[in-house]
Amino acid sequence: MHTEPLSERPERLLATSVLVIGTGGAGLRASIELAERGVQVLAVGKRRAHDAHTTLAAGGINAALGTMDPEDSWEQHAADTLRESYFLADPAIVEVVTKGAAEGIADLERWGMPFAREADGRISQRFFGAHKYRRTAYAGDYTGLEIQRTLMRRAAELQVPIVDTIYITRLLTSEGRVFGAYGFDIVDGSPVLIHADAVILAAGGHTRIWRNTSSRRDENTGDSFRLAALAGGKIRDAELVQFHPSGILEPAEAAGLLVSEAARGEGGILRNALGERYMEKYDPERMELSTRDRVALASYTEIVEGRGTTNGGVFLDVSHLPREQILAKLPRVYRNLIDLQMLDITEEPIEIAPTAHYSMGGVWVRPEDHGTGVDGLYAIGEASSGLHGANRLGGNSLIELLVYGRITGADAAGYVTGITEVRRDPAAVAEARAEMTGLLTERGATSESPRRLQRALRDLMTEHAGVVRSEAGLTAGLAKLDALEERMQNVTAHPDIAGFDDLAHAFDLYGSMLAARATLECARERRETRGCHNRSDFPEQSEELRGNFVWTPEGGATFEPLSEAPESFRALAYAAADETVVGKLVE
């Protein structure tokens, strides 16, 4: 099928005012804002838009609407977010999101989002762990899917052009300003040069670089980190990764698929391979209803101390609950396990293990517009950083997409309207072109397969930068990474009759390698235990480290202290948290 070499294929040239990379919730919301303002926008992605990662979000979306608890306020939402971040979130970003949350919900309502409602028509809101009031709006256990559908529908009404077969390999900059991007079409391999006056990066996080992860195969591979870092941006909090307590282990291709925390919320019990209910040791008050970071750490500890299953897991058991309750409250979990393992959860326990779930760090951004410090380049959604710190509140990521999608779309519209001249640098285009052609050059006996190196990298990150880290482990991990980077020089992509997946895997590997280095170097510098970041050699939290590690390929990790929370919610954030679990779902 592919007889002519890639270098001889005509390079397609596209042009737009604003290019949005990523077609999940964040990218779509920004595209909608631009289209509503009459600004030309093009949204591109490397996987089908209707199947973006956003569709996997089950729990809900947070806003202090006060429909159920009138005493709720944006200030309380901000305080809960800052406290749960272990005071590593940027207070200014927290304020923007919590203040703008109600407007984000109103946008979805206007575009036909089918929220669950009370009998009198109010939007229903429920508890999620560590929220003081009921502020999580939802649509069954398919909230993310419904949000994606709603945004896709609105984008279609506005005729937003979406091309979901383009893999962006490089951002193009000249004198510190972005002028477009380079990539290729995954289906036919044709190179694509896109001229754009501004670029919004919404291409997700880096959780796929661990072995057990809730991300699917070709998503969250660290693309955003690499695109931004090579364009002159910075990465913040790469070491702060949320491990979800319950991902399944089998079958291998579905490893990491989440068992909803509603399973624990409904009364599920965690046991080790000896049959012991081990949460009694780690959080006797809250037991299975403890927070994500604590439950993940408890399960991890049981496994590494030898009380796990032969597959390296523990058991989550709901079989003691009435069958009707399981079918009514956990329909997705029930169906998934029947489909994947022929396991009936009403009769048998589920084998699970902690799984890399959410990148709380990402590209460094300004609070006011999510600009990256590179003129014309923005980052939003899981690609960005600053809201979640060392522990993410369930339901906050979905509202973040809507708030900053709107703000960044508006700012980018103003930016491109005000530009008087654009400088394009042919050398930047030539460099991106050469990188791609190099990967398609046959290297004979020395050539390395991108998939094999990806597997080695995931094993490395799981062993050296999992739920618990140490100086010795992280240093050993960096030495192994040096060796993998050496082998990466010989990676060769082989297009086949099915398309250019192999070339995509090679660029996935490039993104993963850079994200892994940022993660290991930042994790080594954070010599404390805080939230999701557990250091066996530094078990205490350090007041001196209340701030962020910011990473660049040239400069490595440097520390930036954080400003204090504003008066409006400072006292609330420092007030003693209510840790009761009565009537609350976990995160």
Protein backbone atom coordinates (compact mmCIF):
# COMPACT_ATOMS: atom_id res chain seq x y z
CA MET A 1 0.00 0.00 0.00
CA HIS A 2 2.76 2.50 0.94
CA THR A 3 5.09 2.28 -2.00
CA GLU A 4 6.40 5.86 -2.08
CA PRO A 5 8.62 6.89 0.85
CA LEU A 6 7.20 9.46 3.23
CA SER A 7 9.73 12.09 2.17
CA GLU A 8 8.20 12.07 -1.34
CA ARG A 9 4.62 12.46 -0.17
CA PRO A 10 3.21 15.94 -0.71
CA GLU A 11 3.24 17.91 2.52
CA ARG A 12 -0.22 19.25 3.29
CA LEU A 13 -0.41 22.88 4.37
CA LEU A 14 -3.29 23.95 6.60
CA ALA A 15 -3.82 27.42 8.05
CA THR A 16 -6.02 28.70 10.86
CA SER A 17 -6.08 31.56 13.36
CA VAL A 18 -6.06 29.23 16.38
CA LEU A 19 -5.02 25.58 16.43
CA VAL A 20 -6.40 23.42 19.26
CA ILE A 21 -4.46 20.18 19.88
CA GLY A 22 -6.69 17.60 21.58
CA THR A 23 -10.40 16.95 21.07
CA GLY A 24 -11.47 15.99 24.60
CA GLY A 25 -13.52 18.22 26.89
CA ALA A 26 -10.88 20.95 27.26
CA GLY A 27 -10.07 21.25 23.56
CA LEU A 28 -13.73 21.24 22.53
CA ARG A 29 -14.70 23.91 25.09
CA ALA A 30 -11.91 26.21 23.88
CA SER A 31 -12.89 25.58 20.23
CA ILE A 32 -16.53 26.42 20.98
CA GLU A 33 -15.53 29.71 22.64
CA LEU A 34 -13.41 30.70 19.63
CA ALA A 35 -16.16 29.78 17.15
CA GLU A 36 -18.78 31.71 19.14
CA ARG A 37 -16.48 34.76 18.95
CA GLY A 38 -16.15 34.41 15.19
CA VAL A 39 -12.48 33.42 15.26
CA GLN A 40 -11.25 30.74 12.85
CA VAL A 41 -10.31 27.56 14.76
CA LEU A 42 -9.12 24.07 13.82
CA ALA A 43 -9.20 21.23 16.36
CA VAL A 44 -6.96 18.22 15.73
CA GLY A 45 -6.41 14.98 17.64
CA LYS A 46 -4.83 11.57 17.31
CA ARG A 47 -7.85 9.50 18.37
CA ARG A 48 -11.55 9.56 17.52
CA ALA A 49 -13.09 12.69 19.02
CA HIS A 50 -16.20 10.93 20.33
CA ASP A 51 -13.90 8.55 22.26
CA ALA A 52 -11.70 11.10 24.04
CA HIS A 53 -10.38 10.35 27.54
CA THR A 54 -13.05 12.71 28.97
CA THR A 55 -15.67 10.03 28.22
CA LEU A 56 -14.20 7.80 30.94
CA ALA A 57 -14.92 10.25 33.78
CA ALA A 58 -17.76 8.71 35.76
CA GLY A 59 -18.27 10.51 39.06
CA GLY A 60 -19.40 14.05 38.40
CA ILE A 61 -18.56 17.72 38.03
CA ASN A 62 -18.17 20.20 40.89
CA ALA A 63 -19.70 23.65 41.34
CA ALA A 64 -20.94 25.44 44.45
CA LEU A 65 -24.46 25.86 43.06
CA GLY A 66 -26.07 25.49 46.47
CA THR A 67 -29.02 23.56 45.01
CA MET A 68 -28.90 20.99 47.83
CA ASP A 69 -26.88 22.85 50.49
CA PRO A 70 -27.63 26.59 50.17
CA GLU A 71 -24.80 27.45 52.59
CA ASP A 72 -22.19 26.27 50.06
CA SER A 73 -20.05 28.96 48.38
CA TRP A 74 -17.20 29.29 45.91
CA GLU A 75 -14.97 30.21 48.85
CA GLN A 76 -15.72 26.88 50.58
CA HIS A 77 -15.12 24.98 47.31
CA ALA A 78 -11.79 26.83 46.96
CA ALA A 79 -10.83 26.04 50.57
CA ASP A 80 -11.63 22.33 50.12
CA THR A 81 -9.60 22.23 46.89
CA LEU A 82 -6.58 23.98 48.41
CA ARG A 83 -6.59 21.87 51.58
CA GLU A 84 -6.89 18.58 49.65
CA SER A 85 -4.02 19.69 47.39
CA TYR A 86 -1.87 19.63 50.56
CA PHE A 87 -1.39 23.37 49.89
CA LEU A 88 0.50 22.79 46.63
CA ALA A 89 -2.25 24.17 44.35
CA ASP A 90 -1.83 27.72 43.03
CA PRO A 91 -4.41 29.72 45.04
CA ALA A 92 -5.05 32.07 42.10
CA ILE A 93 -5.93 29.14 39.79
CA VAL A 94 -8.13 27.62 42.51
CA GLU A 95 -10.00 30.93 42.80
CA VAL A 96 -10.59 31.24 39.03
CA VAL A 97 -11.98 27.68 38.76
CA THR A 98 -14.25 27.77 41.81
CA LYS A 99 -15.58 31.26 40.99
CA GLY A 100 -16.25 30.32 37.36
CA ALA A 101 -17.73 26.88 38.08
CA ALA A 102 -21.42 27.89 38.11
CA GLU A 103 -21.02 29.57 34.71
CA GLY A 104 -19.41 26.37 33.40
CA ILE A 105 -22.45 24.34 34.48
CA ALA A 106 -24.78 26.96 32.96
CA ASP A 107 -22.97 26.61 29.61
CA LEU A 108 -23.54 22.84 29.64
CA GLU A 109 -27.20 23.30 30.62
CA ARG A 110 -27.72 25.75 27.77
CA TRP A 111 -26.27 23.21 25.33
CA GLY A 112 -28.56 20.41 26.52
CA MET A 113 -26.51 18.42 29.05
CA PRO A 114 -28.88 15.87 30.71
CA PHE A 115 -27.99 16.45 34.38
CA ALA A 116 -29.69 14.34 37.05
CA ARG A 117 -32.39 16.49 38.65
CA GLU A 118 -34.55 16.63 41.75
CA ALA A 119 -38.35 16.31 41.49
CA ASP A 120 -38.71 20.12 41.41
CA GLY A 121 -36.22 20.46 38.51
CA ARG A 122 -33.14 21.57 40.49
CA ILE A 123 -29.84 20.00 39.39
CA SER A 124 -29.09 17.14 41.81
CA GLN A 125 -25.80 17.38 43.68
CA ARG A 126 -24.13 14.71 45.79
CA PHE A 127 -21.21 14.35 48.16
CA PHE A 128 -17.78 13.36 46.97
CA GLY A 129 -14.99 12.72 49.48
CA ALA A 130 -13.38 15.75 51.16
CA HIS A 131 -16.07 18.19 50.01
CA LYS A 132 -17.78 19.95 52.89
CA TYR A 133 -21.12 20.20 51.04
CA ARG A 134 -22.97 18.40 48.25
CA ARG A 135 -21.62 20.10 45.14
CA THR A 136 -21.05 17.33 42.59
CA ALA A 137 -23.53 17.44 39.69
CA TYR A 138 -23.74 14.27 37.62
CA ALA A 139 -25.46 12.24 34.91
CA GLY A 140 -25.64 8.64 36.20
CA ASP A 141 -22.16 7.16 36.18
CA TYR A 142 -21.57 8.51 32.65
CA THR A 143 -20.98 12.20 33.44
CA GLY A 144 -17.83 12.57 31.31
CA LEU A 145 -19.43 10.81 28.36
CA GLU A 146 -22.46 13.12 28.48
CA ILE A 147 -20.22 16.21 28.72
CA GLN A 148 -18.23 15.06 25.67
CA ARG A 149 -21.46 14.41 23.73
CA THR A 150 -22.84 17.81 24.70
CA LEU A 151 -19.66 19.62 23.61
CA MET A 152 -19.43 17.59 20.37
CA ARG A 153 -23.03 18.55 19.57
CA ARG A 154 -22.38 22.26 20.21
CA ALA A 155 -19.14 22.18 18.17
CA ALA A 156 -21.07 20.59 15.27
CA GLU A 157 -23.76 23.33 15.47
CA LEU A 158 -20.97 25.92 15.16
CA GLN A 159 -19.33 23.90 12.35
CA VAL A 160 -16.01 23.69 14.16
CA PRO A 161 -13.63 21.75 11.89
CA ILE A 162 -12.32 18.70 13.77
CA VAL A 163 -9.69 16.42 12.23
CA ASP A 164 -9.11 13.47 14.55
CA THR A 165 -6.43 11.67 12.52
CA ILE A 166 -3.60 14.19 12.87
CA TYR A 167 -0.70 13.48 15.22
CA ILE A 168 1.16 16.68 16.15
CA THR A 169 4.89 15.99 16.61
CA ARG A 170 6.30 19.50 17.15
CA LEU A 171 5.14 23.02 17.89
CA LEU A 172 6.78 25.62 15.66
CA THR A 173 8.23 28.75 17.24
CA SER A 174 10.23 31.74 16.13
CA GLU A 175 11.81 34.22 18.59
CA GLY A 176 9.73 32.95 21.51
CA ARG A 177 6.42 33.09 19.67
CA VAL A 178 4.42 30.15 18.33
CA PHE A 179 3.54 30.13 14.61
CA GLY A 180 2.02 26.69 14.12
CA ALA A 181 2.66 22.97 14.39
CA TYR A 182 3.98 20.02 12.42
CA GLY A 183 2.65 16.46 12.29
CA PHE A 184 1.32 13.72 10.09
CA ASP A 185 -1.90 11.99 9.16
CA ILE A 186 -2.09 8.66 11.01
CA VAL A 187 -4.07 7.04 8.19
CA ASP A 188 -2.00 7.84 5.09
CA GLY A 189 1.22 9.19 6.61
CA SER A 190 1.19 12.47 4.72
CA PRO A 191 3.16 15.17 6.56
CA VAL A 192 1.06 18.13 7.71
CA LEU A 193 2.28 21.68 8.27
CA ILE A 194 -0.21 23.89 10.10
CA HIS A 195 0.20 27.66 10.22
CA ALA A 196 -1.53 29.15 13.28
CA ASP A 197 -1.19 32.44 15.15
CA ALA A 198 -1.98 30.77 18.50
CA VAL A 199 -1.98 27.19 19.74
CA ILE A 200 -4.01 25.73 22.63
CA LEU A 201 -2.51 22.52 23.95
CA ALA A 202 -5.18 20.18 25.35
CA ALA A 203 -3.55 16.79 24.75
CA GLY A 204 -3.80 15.24 28.23
CA GLY A 205 -1.29 13.99 30.81
CA HIS A 206 1.36 11.29 31.25
CA THR A 207 -0.20 8.43 33.25
CA ARG A 208 0.34 5.92 30.42
CA ILE A 209 4.03 5.72 31.37
CA TRP A 210 3.13 3.36 34.26
CA ARG A 211 2.28 -0.31 33.75
CA ASN A 212 -1.12 -0.21 35.48
CA THR A 213 -3.02 2.85 34.32
CA SER A 214 -6.62 3.89 33.76
CA SER A 215 -5.60 5.42 30.41
CA ARG A 216 -6.07 3.46 27.21
CA ARG A 217 -3.13 2.34 25.08
CA ASP A 218 -2.39 5.41 22.99
CA GLU A 219 -3.48 8.29 25.21
CA ASN A 220 -1.83 10.31 28.00
CA THR A 221 1.63 9.32 26.79
CA GLY A 222 3.19 12.68 27.73
CA ASP A 223 2.75 14.39 24.32
CA SER A 224 1.75 17.69 25.98
CA PHE A 225 4.88 17.70 28.16
CA ARG A 226 7.18 17.23 25.18
CA LEU A 227 5.43 19.64 22.81
CA ALA A 228 5.46 22.43 25.41
CA ALA A 229 8.99 21.76 26.75
CA LEU A 230 10.60 21.72 23.28
CA ALA A 231 8.78 24.96 22.40
CA GLY A 232 10.24 26.74 25.45
CA GLY A 233 7.52 26.00 28.03
CA LYS A 234 8.04 24.57 31.53
CA ILE A 235 6.65 21.52 33.32
CA ARG A 236 5.31 21.87 36.89
CA ASP A 237 4.65 19.13 39.49
CA ALA A 238 5.53 16.21 37.17
CA GLU A 239 6.04 14.00 40.25
CA LEU A 240 2.49 14.55 41.54
CA VAL A 241 0.48 11.70 40.04
CA GLN A 242 -2.73 10.39 41.51
CA PHE A 243 -2.86 6.62 41.87
CA HIS A 244 -6.44 5.35 41.92
CA PRO A 245 -6.87 2.56 44.49
CA SER A 246 -8.78 0.13 42.28
CA GLY A 247 -7.73 -0.84 38.78
CA ILE A 248 -8.26 -4.40 37.53
CA LEU A 249 -5.21 -6.56 36.65
CA GLU A 250 -6.59 -8.85 33.98
CA PRO A 251 -6.88 -9.27 31.07
CA ALA A 252 -3.52 -7.62 30.28
CA GLU A 253 -4.95 -5.30 27.60
CA ALA A 254 -7.49 -3.91 30.09
CA ALA A 255 -5.10 -3.73 33.09
CA GLY A 256 -5.78 -0.56 35.03
CA LEU A 257 -9.43 -0.25 34.02
CA LEU A 258 -11.09 1.37 37.01
CA VAL A 259 -13.53 -0.24 39.37
CA SER A 260 -15.59 2.77 40.43
CA GLU A 261 -15.03 3.97 43.97
CA ALA A 262 -18.78 3.74 44.34
CA ALA A 263 -18.02 0.02 44.94
CA ARG A 264 -16.40 1.04 48.24
CA GLY A 265 -19.02 3.74 48.78
CA GLU A 266 -21.74 1.07 48.62
CA GLY A 267 -20.03 -1.08 51.25
CA GLY A 268 -17.29 -2.99 49.42
CA ILE A 269 -14.57 -4.48 51.63
CA LEU A 270 -10.83 -4.64 50.90
CA ARG A 271 -8.99 -7.84 51.84
CA ASN A 272 -5.45 -9.08 51.30
CA ALA A 273 -4.56 -12.58 50.06
CA LEU A 274 -4.77 -13.84 53.67
CA GLY A 275 -8.40 -12.71 53.85
CA GLU A 276 -7.65 -9.88 56.32
CA ARG A 277 -9.64 -6.64 56.14
CA TYR A 278 -6.51 -4.48 56.14
CA MET A 279 -7.97 -0.93 56.18
CA GLU A 280 -8.44 -1.44 59.95
CA LYS A 281 -4.67 -0.88 60.23
CA TYR A 282 -4.44 2.23 58.05
CA ASP A 283 -7.59 4.25 58.75
CA PRO A 284 -9.74 2.57 61.43
CA GLU A 285 -12.23 5.47 61.41
CA ARG A 286 -13.01 5.67 57.70
CA MET A 287 -11.87 2.17 56.64
CA GLU A 288 -12.64 1.68 52.92
CA LEU A 289 -14.12 5.20 52.73
CA SER A 290 -10.74 6.84 53.31
CA THR A 291 -9.25 9.18 50.66
CA ARG A 292 -7.71 7.97 47.41
CA ASP A 293 -4.10 8.54 48.41
CA ARG A 294 -4.49 6.67 51.71
CA VAL A 295 -6.32 3.66 50.26
CA ALA A 296 -3.82 3.38 47.37
CA LEU A 297 -0.93 3.51 49.85
CA ALA A 298 -2.55 0.88 52.10
CA SER A 299 -3.08 -1.56 49.20
CA TYR A 300 0.43 -0.92 47.88
CA THR A 301 1.91 -1.63 51.32
CA GLU A 302 0.01 -4.92 51.63
CA ILE A 303 1.26 -6.00 48.19
CA VAL A 304 4.96 -5.08 48.67
CA GLU A 305 5.05 -6.64 52.14
CA GLY A 306 3.99 -9.97 50.64
CA ARG A 307 0.30 -10.13 51.57
CA GLY A 308 -0.91 -9.55 48.00
CA THR A 309 -2.16 -12.02 45.40
CA THR A 310 0.17 -13.90 43.06
CA ASN A 311 -0.65 -11.29 40.37
CA GLY A 312 0.40 -8.49 42.74
CA GLY A 313 -3.04 -7.31 43.79
CA VAL A 314 -5.60 -7.32 46.61
CA PHE A 315 -9.31 -8.14 46.69
CA LEU A 316 -12.29 -5.79 46.64
CA ASP A 317 -15.38 -7.71 47.69
CA VAL A 318 -18.99 -6.58 47.19
CA SER A 319 -20.47 -10.12 47.09
CA HIS A 320 -22.00 -9.70 50.58
CA LEU A 321 -24.25 -6.90 49.27
CA PRO A 322 -27.76 -7.67 47.92
CA ARG A 323 -27.64 -8.55 44.23
CA GLU A 324 -30.32 -5.91 43.43
CA GLN A 325 -28.20 -3.19 45.06
CA ILE A 326 -25.15 -4.17 42.98
CA LEU A 327 -27.12 -4.19 39.73
CA ALA A 328 -28.78 -0.87 40.51
CA LYS A 329 -25.77 1.05 41.87
CA LEU A 330 -22.79 -0.58 40.10
CA PRO A 331 -24.12 -1.52 36.66
CA ARG A 332 -20.95 -0.53 34.80
CA VAL A 333 -18.65 -2.46 37.16
CA TYR A 334 -20.90 -5.53 36.97
CA ARG A 335 -21.00 -5.49 33.18
CA ASN A 336 -17.27 -4.76 32.72
CA LEU A 337 -16.20 -7.72 34.85
CA ILE A 338 -18.63 -10.12 33.19
CA ASP A 339 -17.34 -8.98 29.77
CA LEU A 340 -13.63 -8.98 30.61
CA GLN A 341 -13.20 -11.82 33.10
CA MET A 342 -16.50 -13.74 33.12
CA LEU A 343 -16.53 -12.76 36.80
CA ASP A 344 -19.84 -12.30 38.61
CA ILE A 345 -19.13 -9.66 41.27
CA THR A 346 -22.33 -10.60 43.13
CA GLU A 347 -20.62 -13.92 43.96
CA GLU A 348 -16.85 -13.39 43.80
CA PRO A 349 -14.33 -10.70 44.85
CA ILE A 350 -12.54 -8.50 42.29
CA GLU A 351 -8.73 -8.57 42.08
CA ILE A 352 -7.42 -4.98 41.95
CA ALA A 353 -4.26 -2.90 42.46
CA PRO A 354 -3.42 0.82 42.61
CA THR A 355 -3.28 2.28 39.12
CA ALA A 356 -1.83 5.53 37.70
CA HIS A 357 -4.91 7.66 37.15
CA TYR A 358 -4.37 11.41 36.84
CA SER A 359 -1.50 13.81 36.11
CA MET A 360 -1.94 16.54 38.70
CA GLY A 361 1.12 18.26 37.27
CA GLY A 362 1.61 19.34 33.67
CA VAL A 363 2.61 22.37 31.65
CA TRP A 364 3.29 25.49 33.75
CA VAL A 365 0.57 28.10 33.13
CA ARG A 366 -0.42 31.58 34.29
CA PRO A 367 -3.59 31.77 36.43
CA GLU A 368 -5.27 34.55 34.46
CA ASP A 369 -5.27 32.97 30.96
CA HIS A 370 -3.33 29.65 31.10
CA GLY A 371 -0.63 31.15 28.88
CA THR A 372 2.64 29.17 29.07
CA GLY A 373 5.15 32.01 28.87
CA VAL A 374 5.65 31.25 25.15
CA ASP A 375 3.73 33.92 23.21
CA GLY A 376 0.56 32.50 21.67
CA LEU A 377 0.86 29.09 23.39
CA TYR A 378 -1.72 28.02 26.00
CA ALA A 379 -2.27 24.75 27.88
CA ILE A 380 -5.55 23.55 29.42
CA GLY A 381 -7.11 20.45 30.99
CA GLU A 382 -4.92 17.59 32.20
CA ALA A 383 -2.09 18.99 30.04
CA SER A 384 -1.86 21.96 32.43
CA SER A 385 -1.03 22.24 36.13
CA GLY A 386 -1.81 24.32 39.19
CA LEU A 387 -5.29 23.29 40.37
CA HIS A 388 -4.78 19.90 42.01
CA GLY A 389 -1.42 20.03 43.85
CA ALA A 390 -0.64 16.79 45.68
CA ASN A 391 -4.19 15.36 45.72
CA ARG A 392 -7.08 15.99 43.33
CA LEU A 393 -10.64 16.38 44.54
CA GLY A 394 -12.94 14.04 42.60
CA GLY A 395 -15.09 16.08 40.19
CA ASN A 396 -12.72 19.06 39.94
CA SER A 397 -11.03 18.05 36.68
CA LEU A 398 -14.26 18.22 34.65
CA ILE A 399 -15.14 21.72 35.86
CA GLU A 400 -11.55 22.87 35.18
CA LEU A 401 -11.99 21.97 31.47
CA LEU A 402 -15.05 24.17 31.18
CA VAL A 403 -13.75 27.17 33.11
CA TYR A 404 -10.34 27.41 31.47
CA GLY A 405 -11.61 26.25 28.07
CA ARG A 406 -13.82 29.35 28.05
CA ILE A 407 -11.18 31.75 29.46
CA THR A 408 -8.35 30.53 27.23
CA GLY A 409 -10.54 30.54 24.12
CA ALA A 410 -11.47 34.16 24.86
CA ASP A 411 -7.86 35.20 25.51
CA ALA A 412 -6.57 33.46 22.36
CA ALA A 413 -9.30 35.24 20.35
CA GLY A 414 -8.04 38.61 21.63
CA TYR A 415 -4.41 37.64 21.05
CA VAL A 416 -4.80 36.63 17.39
CA THR A 417 -7.02 39.63 16.62
CA GLY A 418 -4.30 41.97 17.89
CA ILE A 419 -1.38 40.46 15.95
CA THR A 420 0.06 42.79 13.28
CA GLU A 421 2.77 40.55 11.85
CA VAL A 422 3.71 36.87 11.96
CA ARG A 423 7.28 35.57 11.65
CA ARG A 424 7.71 32.02 10.42
CA ASP A 425 11.04 30.27 10.70
CA PRO A 426 11.80 27.76 7.89
CA ALA A 427 14.53 26.22 10.08
CA ALA A 428 11.94 25.19 12.70
CA VAL A 429 9.85 23.48 10.01
CA ALA A 430 12.94 21.77 8.58
CA GLU A 431 13.89 20.43 12.04
CA ALA A 432 10.41 18.94 12.58
CA ARG A 433 10.43 17.46 9.09
CA ALA A 434 13.88 15.90 9.58
CA GLU A 435 12.87 14.34 12.91
CA MET A 436 9.98 12.54 11.25
CA THR A 437 11.94 11.40 8.19
CA GLY A 438 14.70 10.13 10.49
CA LEU A 439 12.27 7.81 12.26
CA LEU A 440 11.24 6.28 8.92
CA THR A 441 14.86 5.58 7.90
CA GLU A 442 15.74 1.87 8.07
CA ARG A 443 18.56 1.12 10.53
CA GLY A 444 18.97 -2.59 9.85
CA ALA A 445 20.20 -4.77 12.71
CA THR A 446 20.50 -1.90 15.21
CA SER A 447 16.88 -0.74 14.85
CA GLU A 448 14.70 -0.69 17.99
CA SER A 449 10.94 -1.16 18.16
CA PRO A 450 9.03 1.71 19.85
CA ARG A 451 6.62 -0.74 21.53
CA ARG A 452 9.43 -2.72 23.16
CA LEU A 453 11.02 0.43 24.60
CA GLN A 454 7.63 1.69 25.79
CA ARG A 455 7.19 -1.54 27.75
CA ALA A 456 10.65 -1.19 29.29
CA LEU A 457 9.86 2.39 30.28
CA ARG A 458 6.56 1.42 31.93
CA ASP A 459 8.32 -1.32 33.91
CA LEU A 460 10.98 1.20 34.99
CA MET A 461 8.42 3.79 36.17
CA THR A 462 6.34 1.17 37.99
CA GLU A 463 9.39 -0.15 39.84
CA HIS A 464 11.11 3.16 40.64
CA ALA A 465 8.40 5.85 40.71
CA GLY A 466 5.21 4.08 41.79
CA VAL A 467 3.10 4.77 44.88
CA VAL A 468 6.19 4.86 47.15
CA ARG A 469 9.54 6.33 46.07
CA SER A 470 13.05 6.67 47.56
CA GLU A 471 16.30 8.45 46.65
CA ALA A 472 18.05 5.18 45.81
CA GLY A 473 15.12 3.93 43.71
CA LEU A 474 14.74 7.19 41.78
CA THR A 475 18.49 7.41 41.11
CA ALA A 476 18.49 3.81 39.84
CA GLY A 477 15.49 4.68 37.67
CA LEU A 478 17.33 7.63 36.13
CA ALA A 479 20.32 5.41 35.32
CA LYS A 480 18.00 2.96 33.53
CA LEU A 481 16.36 5.88 31.72
CA ASP A 482 19.78 7.01 30.43
CA ALA A 483 20.24 3.55 28.90
CA LEU A 484 16.74 3.61 27.33
CA GLU A 485 17.37 7.08 25.87
CA GLU A 486 20.55 5.69 24.31
CA ARG A 487 18.55 2.89 22.67
CA MET A 488 15.87 5.38 21.60
CA GLN A 489 18.35 6.89 19.11
CA ASN A 490 17.86 3.72 17.03
CA VAL A 491 14.06 3.63 17.02
CA THR A 492 12.65 2.89 13.58
CA ALA A 493 8.99 3.17 12.60
CA HIS A 494 7.63 0.70 10.03
CA PRO A 495 4.43 1.83 8.32
CA ASP A 496 2.23 -1.09 7.32
CA ILE A 497 -0.95 -1.77 5.42
CA ALA A 498 -3.04 -0.64 8.42
CA GLY A 499 -1.50 2.83 8.47
CA PHE A 500 1.09 4.79 10.38
CA ASP A 501 0.47 3.52 13.91
CA ASP A 502 4.14 2.61 14.34
CA LEU A 503 5.20 6.20 13.67
CA ALA A 504 2.63 7.36 16.24
CA HIS A 505 4.06 4.87 18.75
CA ALA A 506 7.56 6.26 18.15
CA PHE A 507 6.39 9.80 18.94
CA ASP A 508 4.40 8.47 21.92
CA LEU A 509 7.71 7.02 23.14
CA TYR A 510 9.48 10.37 22.70
CA GLY A 511 6.80 12.09 24.80
CA SER A 512 6.87 9.34 27.43
CA MET A 513 10.67 9.49 27.77
CA LEU A 514 10.66 13.24 28.38
CA ALA A 515 7.73 12.97 30.82
CA ALA A 516 9.50 10.14 32.68
CA ARG A 517 12.67 12.20 33.08
CA ALA A 518 10.69 15.19 34.39
CA THR A 519 8.84 12.91 36.83
CA LEU A 520 11.93 11.11 38.17
CA GLU A 521 13.99 14.31 38.55
CA CYS A 522 11.18 16.23 40.31
CA ALA A 523 10.34 13.21 42.54
CA ARG A 524 13.97 12.97 43.63
CA GLU A 525 14.04 16.67 44.57
CA ARG A 526 10.79 16.49 46.58
CA ARG A 527 12.33 15.04 49.72
CA GLU A 528 9.14 14.76 51.76
CA THR A 529 5.88 12.80 51.90
CA ARG A 530 2.88 14.90 50.87
CA GLY A 531 -0.43 13.70 49.44
CA CYS A 532 0.10 11.33 46.53
CA HIS A 533 3.90 11.62 46.81
CA ASN A 534 5.23 9.08 49.33
CA ARG A 535 8.96 9.00 50.11
CA SER A 536 9.97 6.03 52.26
CA ASP A 537 13.20 7.87 53.20
CA PHE A 538 11.39 11.16 54.03
CA PRO A 539 8.12 10.12 55.72
CA GLU A 540 7.30 13.61 57.07
CA GLN A 541 5.87 16.65 55.32
CA SER A 542 8.35 19.53 55.01
CA GLU A 543 7.16 23.13 55.42
CA GLU A 544 10.14 24.33 53.34
CA LEU A 545 8.83 22.35 50.37
CA ARG A 546 5.41 24.03 50.22
CA GLY A 547 5.81 25.01 46.60
CA ASN A 548 6.30 23.52 43.17
CA PHE A 549 9.12 21.89 41.26
CA VAL A 550 9.34 23.40 37.79
CA TRP A 551 11.26 21.43 35.16
CA THR A 552 12.86 22.17 31.80
CA PRO A 553 14.98 19.83 29.63
CA GLU A 554 18.02 22.12 29.99
CA GLY A 555 17.65 23.19 33.62
CA GLY A 556 16.15 20.12 35.31
CA ALA A 557 14.00 20.70 38.42
CA THR A 558 13.99 24.01 40.29
CA PHE A 559 11.87 24.94 43.31
CA GLU A 560 9.31 27.77 43.29
CA PRO A 561 7.61 28.73 46.58
CA LEU A 562 3.85 29.35 46.46
CA SER A 563 2.01 32.51 47.43
CA GLU A 564 -0.41 32.40 50.39
CA ALA A 565 -4.14 31.94 49.76
CA PRO A 566 -6.18 35.19 49.57
CA GLU A 567 -8.16 36.43 52.59
CA SER A 568 -11.41 35.31 50.93
CA PHE A 569 -10.80 31.60 51.62
CA ARG A 570 -7.57 31.36 53.65
CA ALA A 571 -9.24 30.83 57.03
CA LEU A 572 -11.64 28.24 55.58
CA ALA A 573 -8.73 26.31 54.04
CA TYR A 574 -6.86 26.12 57.34
CA ALA A 575 -9.96 25.23 59.39
CA ALA A 576 -10.09 21.64 60.63
CA ALA A 577 -11.53 19.43 57.91
CA ASP A 578 -14.67 17.43 58.54
CA GLU A 579 -13.48 13.83 58.15
CA THR A 580 -16.77 12.06 58.78
CA VAL A 581 -17.92 9.77 56.01
CA VAL A 582 -21.59 9.41 56.89
CA GLY A 583 -23.67 9.77 53.74
CA LYS A 584 -20.67 10.57 51.55
CA LEU A 585 -19.32 8.81 48.53
CA VAL A 586 -15.56 8.64 48.39
CA GLU A 587 -13.74 10.74 45.79
